[in-house]
């Protein structure tokens, strides 16, 4: 699978092994998922591997990805689950 172009930003939602949810952004989703599962991603996910990608959406740029990340983080758990449920 080809890596994403570094100008393409993605907002994503992971489900951790303990069934908690983690939201983040990246410009290389495949590489970021590998980092999370290798324990090299965010501090939150390090002790909660393996993680599974449950939702992702492309964003126009880093600024819009950060904005969307904030919006998703503000949602209730039920609303986050509805994104991919």
PDB file of N, CA and C in Angstrom:
ATOM      1  N   UNK A   1       0.837  -1.176   0.000  1.00  0.00           N
ATOM      2  CA  UNK A   1       0.000   0.000   0.000  1.00  0.00           C
ATOM      3  C   UNK A   1       0.885   1.243   0.000  1.00  0.00           C
ATOM      4  N   UNK A   2       0.560   2.196  -0.814  1.00  0.00           N
ATOM      5  CA  UNK A   2       1.348   3.409  -0.958  1.00  0.00           C
ATOM      6  C   UNK A   2       1.081   4.360   0.212  1.00  0.00           C
ATOM      7  N   UNK A   3       2.123   4.962   0.738  1.00  0.00           N
ATOM      8  CA  UNK A   3       1.973   5.930   1.822  1.00  0.00           C
ATOM      9  C   UNK A   3       1.319   7.193   1.285  1.00  0.00           C
ATOM     10  N   UNK A   4       0.628   7.882   2.195  1.00  0.00           N
ATOM     11  CA  UNK A   4      -0.018   9.118   1.808  1.00  0.00           C
ATOM     12  C   UNK A   4       1.009  10.206   1.537  1.00  0.00           C
ATOM     13  N   UNK A   5       0.617  11.132   0.699  1.00  0.00           N
ATOM     14  CA  UNK A   5       1.428  12.313   0.439  1.00  0.00           C
ATOM     15  C   UNK A   5       1.476  13.137   1.725  1.00  0.00           C
ATOM     16  N   UNK A   6       2.623  13.700   2.049  1.00  0.00           N
ATOM     17  CA  UNK A   6       2.783  14.461   3.277  1.00  0.00           C
ATOM     18  C   UNK A   6       1.928  15.716   3.331  1.00  0.00           C
ATOM     19  N   UNK A   7       1.305  16.103   2.233  1.00  0.00           N
ATOM     20  CA  UNK A   7       0.411  17.255   2.229  1.00  0.00           C
ATOM     21  C   UNK A   7      -1.031  16.852   2.524  1.00  0.00           C
ATOM     22  N   UNK A   8      -1.314  15.571   2.623  1.00  0.00           N
ATOM     23  CA  UNK A   8      -2.652  15.085   2.900  1.00  0.00           C
ATOM     24  C   UNK A   8      -2.759  14.758   4.376  1.00  0.00           C
ATOM     25  N   UNK A   9      -3.643  15.445   5.073  1.00  0.00           N
ATOM     26  CA  UNK A   9      -3.829  15.224   6.504  1.00  0.00           C
ATOM     27  C   UNK A   9      -5.084  14.415   6.746  1.00  0.00           C
ATOM     28  N   UNK A  10      -5.044  13.595   7.773  1.00  0.00           N
ATOM     29  CA  UNK A  10      -6.153  12.722   8.135  1.00  0.00           C
ATOM     30  C   UNK A  10      -6.423  12.845   9.624  1.00  0.00           C
ATOM     31  N   UNK A  11      -7.687  12.918   9.971  1.00  0.00           N
ATOM     32  CA  UNK A  11      -8.113  12.834  11.367  1.00  0.00           C
ATOM     33  C   UNK A  11      -8.626  11.409  11.541  1.00  0.00           C
ATOM     34  N   UNK A  12      -8.214  10.744  12.617  1.00  0.00           N
ATOM     35  CA  UNK A  12      -8.574   9.338  12.779  1.00  0.00           C
ATOM     36  C   UNK A  12      -9.009   9.027  14.202  1.00  0.00           C
ATOM     37  N   UNK A  13      -9.737   7.939  14.336  1.00  0.00           N
ATOM     38  CA  UNK A  13     -10.225   7.479  15.624  1.00  0.00           C
ATOM     39  C   UNK A  13      -9.843   6.011  15.780  1.00  0.00           C
ATOM     40  N   UNK A  14      -9.169   5.711  16.883  1.00  0.00           N
ATOM     41  CA  UNK A  14      -8.733   4.347  17.174  1.00  0.00           C
ATOM     42  C   UNK A  14      -9.532   3.768  18.326  1.00  0.00           C
ATOM     43  N   UNK A  15      -9.683   2.457  18.312  1.00  0.00           N
ATOM     44  CA  UNK A  15     -10.199   1.757  19.481  1.00  0.00           C
ATOM     45  C   UNK A  15      -9.035   0.961  20.055  1.00  0.00           C
ATOM     46  N   UNK A  16      -8.740   1.220  21.330  1.00  0.00           N
ATOM     47  CA  UNK A  16      -7.633   0.552  21.999  1.00  0.00           C
ATOM     48  C   UNK A  16      -8.073  -0.817  22.514  1.00  0.00           C
ATOM     49  N   UNK A  17      -7.117  -1.618  22.938  1.00  0.00           N
ATOM     50  CA  UNK A  17      -7.400  -2.968  23.428  1.00  0.00           C
ATOM     51  C   UNK A  17      -8.345  -2.950  24.626  1.00  0.00           C
ATOM     52  N   UNK A  18      -8.317  -1.871  25.422  1.00  0.00           N
ATOM     53  CA  UNK A  18      -9.213  -1.771  26.581  1.00  0.00           C
ATOM     54  C   UNK A  18     -10.551  -1.128  26.213  1.00  0.00           C
ATOM     55  N   UNK A  19     -10.812  -0.983  24.911  1.00  0.00           N
ATOM     56  CA  UNK A  19     -12.050  -0.443  24.339  1.00  0.00           C
ATOM     57  C   UNK A  19     -12.223   1.052  24.539  1.00  0.00           C
ATOM     58  N   UNK A  20     -11.178   1.753  24.979  1.00  0.00           N
ATOM     59  CA  UNK A  20     -11.239   3.206  25.006  1.00  0.00           C
ATOM     60  C   UNK A  20     -10.961   3.713  23.599  1.00  0.00           C
ATOM     61  N   UNK A  21     -11.277   4.972  23.372  1.00  0.00           N
ATOM     62  CA  UNK A  21     -11.110   5.574  22.056  1.00  0.00           C
ATOM     63  C   UNK A  21     -10.025   6.636  22.104  1.00  0.00           C
ATOM     64  N   UNK A  22      -9.290   6.764  21.005  1.00  0.00           N
ATOM     65  CA  UNK A  22      -8.235   7.755  20.873  1.00  0.00           C
ATOM     66  C   UNK A  22      -8.394   8.455  19.530  1.00  0.00           C
ATOM     67  N   UNK A  23      -8.350   9.763  19.542  1.00  0.00           N
ATOM     68  CA  UNK A  23      -8.458  10.552  18.313  1.00  0.00           C
ATOM     69  C   UNK A  23      -7.141  11.276  18.074  1.00  0.00           C
ATOM     70  N   UNK A  24      -6.704  11.303  16.827  1.00  0.00           N
ATOM     71  CA  UNK A  24      -5.473  11.993  16.483  1.00  0.00           C
ATOM     72  C   UNK A  24      -5.471  12.428  15.031  1.00  0.00           C
ATOM     73  N   UNK A  25      -4.380  13.062  14.621  1.00  0.00           N
ATOM     74  CA  UNK A  25      -4.205  13.467  13.223  1.00  0.00           C
ATOM     75  C   UNK A  25      -2.830  13.010  12.748  1.00  0.00           C
ATOM     76  N   UNK A  26      -2.707  12.872  11.445  1.00  0.00           N
ATOM     77  CA  UNK A  26      -1.426  12.477  10.854  1.00  0.00           C
ATOM     78  C   UNK A  26      -1.413  12.844   9.380  1.00  0.00           C
ATOM     79  N   UNK A  27      -0.211  12.858   8.819  1.00  0.00           N
ATOM     80  CA  UNK A  27      -0.095  13.021   7.372  1.00  0.00           C
ATOM     81  C   UNK A  27       0.395  11.718   6.727  1.00  0.00           C
ATOM     82  N   UNK A  28       0.462  10.644   7.511  1.00  0.00           N
ATOM     83  CA  UNK A  28       0.808   9.313   7.007  1.00  0.00           C
ATOM     84  C   UNK A  28       0.126   8.287   7.914  1.00  0.00           C
ATOM     85  N   UNK A  29      -1.099   7.959   7.597  1.00  0.00           N
ATOM     86  CA  UNK A  29      -1.925   7.115   8.460  1.00  0.00           C
ATOM     87  C   UNK A  29      -1.335   5.730   8.670  1.00  0.00           C
ATOM     88  N   UNK A  30      -0.862   5.112   7.626  1.00  0.00           N
ATOM     89  CA  UNK A  30      -0.294   3.764   7.730  1.00  0.00           C
ATOM     90  C   UNK A  30       0.898   3.746   8.697  1.00  0.00           C
ATOM     91  N   UNK A  31       1.783   4.711   8.556  1.00  0.00           N
ATOM     92  CA  UNK A  31       2.962   4.808   9.416  1.00  0.00           C
ATOM     93  C   UNK A  31       2.559   5.103  10.865  1.00  0.00           C
ATOM     94  N   UNK A  32       1.569   5.963  11.042  1.00  0.00           N
ATOM     95  CA  UNK A  32       1.121   6.330  12.392  1.00  0.00           C
ATOM     96  C   UNK A  32       0.479   5.135  13.094  1.00  0.00           C
ATOM     97  N   UNK A  33      -0.317   4.358  12.394  1.00  0.00           N
ATOM     98  CA  UNK A  33      -0.933   3.164  12.991  1.00  0.00           C
ATOM     99  C   UNK A  33       0.132   2.164  13.418  1.00  0.00           C
ATOM    100  N   UNK A  34       1.131   1.992  12.574  1.00  0.00           N
ATOM    101  CA  UNK A  34       2.228   1.089  12.919  1.00  0.00           C
ATOM    102  C   UNK A  34       2.948   1.582  14.170  1.00  0.00           C
ATOM    103  N   UNK A  35       3.139   2.890  14.276  1.00  0.00           N
ATOM    104  CA  UNK A  35       3.804   3.461  15.452  1.00  0.00           C
ATOM    105  C   UNK A  35       2.965   3.230  16.707  1.00  0.00           C
ATOM    106  N   UNK A  36       1.664   3.454  16.619  1.00  0.00           N
ATOM    107  CA  UNK A  36       0.792   3.203  17.771  1.00  0.00           C
ATOM    108  C   UNK A  36       0.904   1.746  18.220  1.00  0.00           C
ATOM    109  N   UNK A  37       0.821   0.824  17.288  1.00  0.00           N
ATOM    110  CA  UNK A  37       0.852  -0.597  17.641  1.00  0.00           C
ATOM    111  C   UNK A  37       2.226  -1.084  18.082  1.00  0.00           C
ATOM    112  N   UNK A  38       3.267  -0.334  17.748  1.00  0.00           N
ATOM    113  CA  UNK A  38       4.618  -0.682  18.193  1.00  0.00           C
ATOM    114  C   UNK A  38       4.940  -0.051  19.544  1.00  0.00           C
ATOM    115  N   UNK A  39       3.971   0.675  20.114  1.00  0.00           N
ATOM    116  CA  UNK A  39       4.202   1.337  21.395  1.00  0.00           C
ATOM    117  C   UNK A  39       5.002   2.614  21.262  1.00  0.00           C
ATOM    118  N   UNK A  40       5.087   3.142  20.053  1.00  0.00           N
ATOM    119  CA  UNK A  40       5.857   4.357  19.792  1.00  0.00           C
ATOM    120  C   UNK A  40       4.966   5.540  19.445  1.00  0.00           C
ATOM    121  N   UNK A  41       3.669   5.350  19.542  1.00  0.00           N
ATOM    122  CA  UNK A  41       2.734   6.429  19.215  1.00  0.00           C
ATOM    123  C   UNK A  41       2.502   7.310  20.423  1.00  0.00           C
ATOM    124  N   UNK A  42       1.307   7.782  20.560  1.00  0.00           N
ATOM    125  CA  UNK A  42       0.945   8.665  21.666  1.00  0.00           C
ATOM    126  C   UNK A  42       1.096   7.953  23.007  1.00  0.00           C
ATOM    127  N   UNK A  43       1.413   8.719  24.026  1.00  0.00           N
ATOM    128  CA  UNK A  43       1.574   8.163  25.364  1.00  0.00           C
ATOM    129  C   UNK A  43       0.307   7.413  25.795  1.00  0.00           C
ATOM    130  N   UNK A  44      -0.849   7.949  25.429  1.00  0.00           N
ATOM    131  CA  UNK A  44      -2.123   7.327  25.812  1.00  0.00           C
ATOM    132  C   UNK A  44      -2.243   5.899  25.280  1.00  0.00           C
ATOM    133  N   UNK A  45      -1.806   5.669  24.054  1.00  0.00           N
ATOM    134  CA  UNK A  45      -2.005   4.354  23.435  1.00  0.00           C
ATOM    135  C   UNK A  45      -0.905   3.352  23.764  1.00  0.00           C
ATOM    136  N   UNK A  46       0.204   3.795  24.314  1.00  0.00           N
ATOM    137  CA  UNK A  46       1.356   2.903  24.544  1.00  0.00           C
ATOM    138  C   UNK A  46       1.014   1.672  25.367  1.00  0.00           C
ATOM    139  N   UNK A  47       0.229   1.822  26.401  1.00  0.00           N
ATOM    140  CA  UNK A  47      -0.130   0.686  27.243  1.00  0.00           C
ATOM    141  C   UNK A  47      -1.443   0.054  26.873  1.00  0.00           C
ATOM    142  N   UNK A  48      -2.007   0.467  25.747  1.00  0.00           N
ATOM    143  CA  UNK A  48      -3.335  -0.002  25.358  1.00  0.00           C
ATOM    144  C   UNK A  48      -3.347  -0.683  23.992  1.00  0.00           C
ATOM    145  N   UNK A  49      -2.220  -1.253  23.598  1.00  0.00           N
ATOM    146  CA  UNK A  49      -2.139  -1.920  22.296  1.00  0.00           C
ATOM    147  C   UNK A  49      -2.681  -3.332  22.406  1.00  0.00           C
ATOM    148  N   UNK A  50      -3.131  -3.919  21.324  1.00  0.00           N
ATOM    149  CA  UNK A  50      -3.149  -3.343  19.977  1.00  0.00           C
ATOM    150  C   UNK A  50      -4.313  -2.371  19.807  1.00  0.00           C
ATOM    151  N   UNK A  51      -4.133  -1.443  18.892  1.00  0.00           N
ATOM    152  CA  UNK A  51      -5.195  -0.500  18.555  1.00  0.00           C
ATOM    153  C   UNK A  51      -5.726  -0.840  17.171  1.00  0.00           C
ATOM    154  N   UNK A  52      -6.991  -0.493  16.952  1.00  0.00           N
ATOM    155  CA  UNK A  52      -7.620  -0.740  15.648  1.00  0.00           C
ATOM    156  C   UNK A  52      -8.170   0.573  15.112  1.00  0.00           C
ATOM    157  N   UNK A  53      -7.918   0.830  13.851  1.00  0.00           N
ATOM    158  CA  UNK A  53      -8.481   2.003  13.202  1.00  0.00           C
ATOM    159  C   UNK A  53      -9.975   1.780  13.026  1.00  0.00           C
ATOM    160  N   UNK A  54     -10.774   2.695  13.551  1.00  0.00           N
ATOM    161  CA  UNK A  54     -12.222   2.576  13.442  1.00  0.00           C
ATOM    162  C   UNK A  54     -12.829   3.620  12.525  1.00  0.00           C
ATOM    163  N   UNK A  55     -12.157   4.771  12.382  1.00  0.00           N
ATOM    164  CA  UNK A  55     -12.722   5.849  11.575  1.00  0.00           C
ATOM    165  C   UNK A  55     -11.592   6.766  11.135  1.00  0.00           C
ATOM    166  N   UNK A  56     -11.689   7.260   9.925  1.00  0.00           N
ATOM    167  CA  UNK A  56     -10.745   8.277   9.456  1.00  0.00           C
ATOM    168  C   UNK A  56     -11.436   9.146   8.426  1.00  0.00           C
ATOM    169  N   UNK A  57     -10.983  10.382   8.353  1.00  0.00           N
ATOM    170  CA  UNK A  57     -11.508  11.284   7.332  1.00  0.00           C
ATOM    171  C   UNK A  57     -10.395  12.200   6.853  1.00  0.00           C
ATOM    172  N   UNK A  58     -10.329  12.412   5.553  1.00  0.00           N
ATOM    173  CA  UNK A  58      -9.303  13.300   5.006  1.00  0.00           C
ATOM    174  C   UNK A  58      -9.627  14.754   5.343  1.00  0.00           C
ATOM    175  N   UNK A  59      -8.596  15.545   5.520  1.00  0.00           N
ATOM    176  CA  UNK A  59      -8.755  16.969   5.810  1.00  0.00           C
ATOM    177  C   UNK A  59      -7.920  17.759   4.811  1.00  0.00           C
ATOM    178  N   UNK A  60      -8.345  18.969   4.542  1.00  0.00           N
ATOM    179  CA  UNK A  60      -7.679  19.788   3.526  1.00  0.00           C
ATOM    180  C   UNK A  60      -6.244  20.145   3.896  1.00  0.00           C
ATOM    181  N   UNK A  61      -6.005  20.373   5.180  1.00  0.00           N
ATOM    182  CA  UNK A  61      -4.674  20.766   5.632  1.00  0.00           C
ATOM    183  C   UNK A  61      -4.553  20.486   7.122  1.00  0.00           C
ATOM    184  N   UNK A  62      -3.386  20.765   7.690  1.00  0.00           N
ATOM    185  CA  UNK A  62      -3.140  20.470   9.093  1.00  0.00           C
ATOM    186  C   UNK A  62      -4.091  21.253   9.999  1.00  0.00           C
ATOM    187  N   UNK A  63      -4.342  22.488   9.654  1.00  0.00           N
ATOM    188  CA  UNK A  63      -5.229  23.327  10.452  1.00  0.00           C
ATOM    189  C   UNK A  63      -6.639  22.742  10.527  1.00  0.00           C
ATOM    190  N   UNK A  64      -7.167  22.314   9.397  1.00  0.00           N
ATOM    191  CA  UNK A  64      -8.516  21.735   9.404  1.00  0.00           C
ATOM    192  C   UNK A  64      -8.522  20.375  10.101  1.00  0.00           C
ATOM    193  N   UNK A  65      -7.424  19.642  10.023  1.00  0.00           N
ATOM    194  CA  UNK A  65      -7.331  18.361  10.731  1.00  0.00           C
ATOM    195  C   UNK A  65      -7.348  18.587  12.244  1.00  0.00           C
ATOM    196  N   UNK A  66      -6.612  19.589  12.709  1.00  0.00           N
ATOM    197  CA  UNK A  66      -6.605  19.913  14.135  1.00  0.00           C
ATOM    198  C   UNK A  66      -7.991  20.365  14.605  1.00  0.00           C
ATOM    199  N   UNK A  67      -8.662  21.137  13.778  1.00  0.00           N
ATOM    200  CA  UNK A  67     -10.019  21.599  14.116  1.00  0.00           C
ATOM    201  C   UNK A  67     -10.972  20.409  14.222  1.00  0.00           C
ATOM    202  N   UNK A  68     -10.887  19.503  13.267  1.00  0.00           N
ATOM    203  CA  UNK A  68     -11.766  18.328  13.286  1.00  0.00           C
ATOM    204  C   UNK A  68     -11.442  17.432  14.475  1.00  0.00           C
ATOM    205  N   UNK A  69     -10.157  17.302  14.825  1.00  0.00           N
ATOM    206  CA  UNK A  69      -9.761  16.521  15.988  1.00  0.00           C
ATOM    207  C   UNK A  69     -10.407  17.094  17.252  1.00  0.00           C
ATOM    208  N   UNK A  70     -10.364  18.410  17.399  1.00  0.00           N
ATOM    209  CA  UNK A  70     -10.990  19.051  18.569  1.00  0.00           C
ATOM    210  C   UNK A  70     -12.487  18.784  18.593  1.00  0.00           C
ATOM    211  N   UNK A  71     -13.136  18.848  17.421  1.00  0.00           N
ATOM    212  CA  UNK A  71     -14.574  18.594  17.344  1.00  0.00           C
ATOM    213  C   UNK A  71     -14.898  17.165  17.770  1.00  0.00           C
ATOM    214  N   UNK A  72     -14.131  16.201  17.279  1.00  0.00           N
ATOM    215  CA  UNK A  72     -14.380  14.802  17.618  1.00  0.00           C
ATOM    216  C   UNK A  72     -14.112  14.555  19.098  1.00  0.00           C
ATOM    217  N   UNK A  73     -13.043  15.118  19.629  1.00  0.00           N
ATOM    218  CA  UNK A  73     -12.734  14.923  21.045  1.00  0.00           C
ATOM    219  C   UNK A  73     -13.827  15.486  21.946  1.00  0.00           C
ATOM    220  N   UNK A  74     -14.543  16.498  21.481  1.00  0.00           N
ATOM    221  CA  UNK A  74     -15.615  17.111  22.263  1.00  0.00           C
ATOM    222  C   UNK A  74     -16.911  16.289  22.248  1.00  0.00           C
ATOM    223  N   UNK A  75     -17.000  15.319  21.342  1.00  0.00           N
ATOM    224  CA  UNK A  75     -18.196  14.486  21.248  1.00  0.00           C
ATOM    225  C   UNK A  75     -18.291  13.515  22.429  1.00  0.00           C
ATOM    226  N   UNK A  76     -19.506  13.104  22.720  1.00  0.00           N
ATOM    227  CA  UNK A  76     -19.695  12.058  23.730  1.00  0.00           C
ATOM    228  C   UNK A  76     -19.181  10.737  23.164  1.00  0.00           C
ATOM    229  N   UNK A  77     -18.969   9.785  24.033  1.00  0.00           N
ATOM    230  CA  UNK A  77     -18.526   8.462  23.581  1.00  0.00           C
ATOM    231  C   UNK A  77     -19.536   7.875  22.599  1.00  0.00           C
ATOM    232  N   UNK A  78     -20.807   8.016  22.891  1.00  0.00           N
ATOM    233  CA  UNK A  78     -21.858   7.483  22.012  1.00  0.00           C
ATOM    234  C   UNK A  78     -21.778   8.108  20.625  1.00  0.00           C
ATOM    235  N   UNK A  79     -21.544   9.406  20.570  1.00  0.00           N
ATOM    236  CA  UNK A  79     -21.435  10.083  19.276  1.00  0.00           C
ATOM    237  C   UNK A  79     -20.192   9.627  18.518  1.00  0.00           C
ATOM    238  N   UNK A  80     -19.102   9.402  19.244  1.00  0.00           N
ATOM    239  CA  UNK A  80     -17.883   8.901  18.599  1.00  0.00           C
ATOM    240  C   UNK A  80     -18.133   7.499  18.037  1.00  0.00           C
ATOM    241  N   UNK A  81     -18.796   6.657  18.804  1.00  0.00           N
ATOM    242  CA  UNK A  81     -19.096   5.293  18.331  1.00  0.00           C
ATOM    243  C   UNK A  81     -20.015   5.356  17.111  1.00  0.00           C
ATOM    244  N   UNK A  82     -20.908   6.322  17.069  1.00  0.00           N
ATOM    245  CA  UNK A  82     -21.820   6.453  15.924  1.00  0.00           C
ATOM    246  C   UNK A  82     -21.079   6.820  14.636  1.00  0.00           C
ATOM    247  N   UNK A  83     -19.897   7.426  14.749  1.00  0.00           N
ATOM    248  CA  UNK A  83     -19.107   7.739  13.562  1.00  0.00           C
ATOM    249  C   UNK A  83     -18.753   6.493  12.769  1.00  0.00           C
ATOM    250  N   UNK A  84     -18.514   5.406  13.465  1.00  0.00           N
ATOM    251  CA  UNK A  84     -18.115   4.180  12.770  1.00  0.00           C
ATOM    252  C   UNK A  84     -19.076   3.028  13.012  1.00  0.00           C
ATOM    253  N   UNK A  85     -20.109   3.249  13.805  1.00  0.00           N
ATOM    254  CA  UNK A  85     -21.045   2.185  14.151  1.00  0.00           C
ATOM    255  C   UNK A  85     -22.087   2.006  13.132  1.00  0.00           C
TER     256      UNK A  85
END
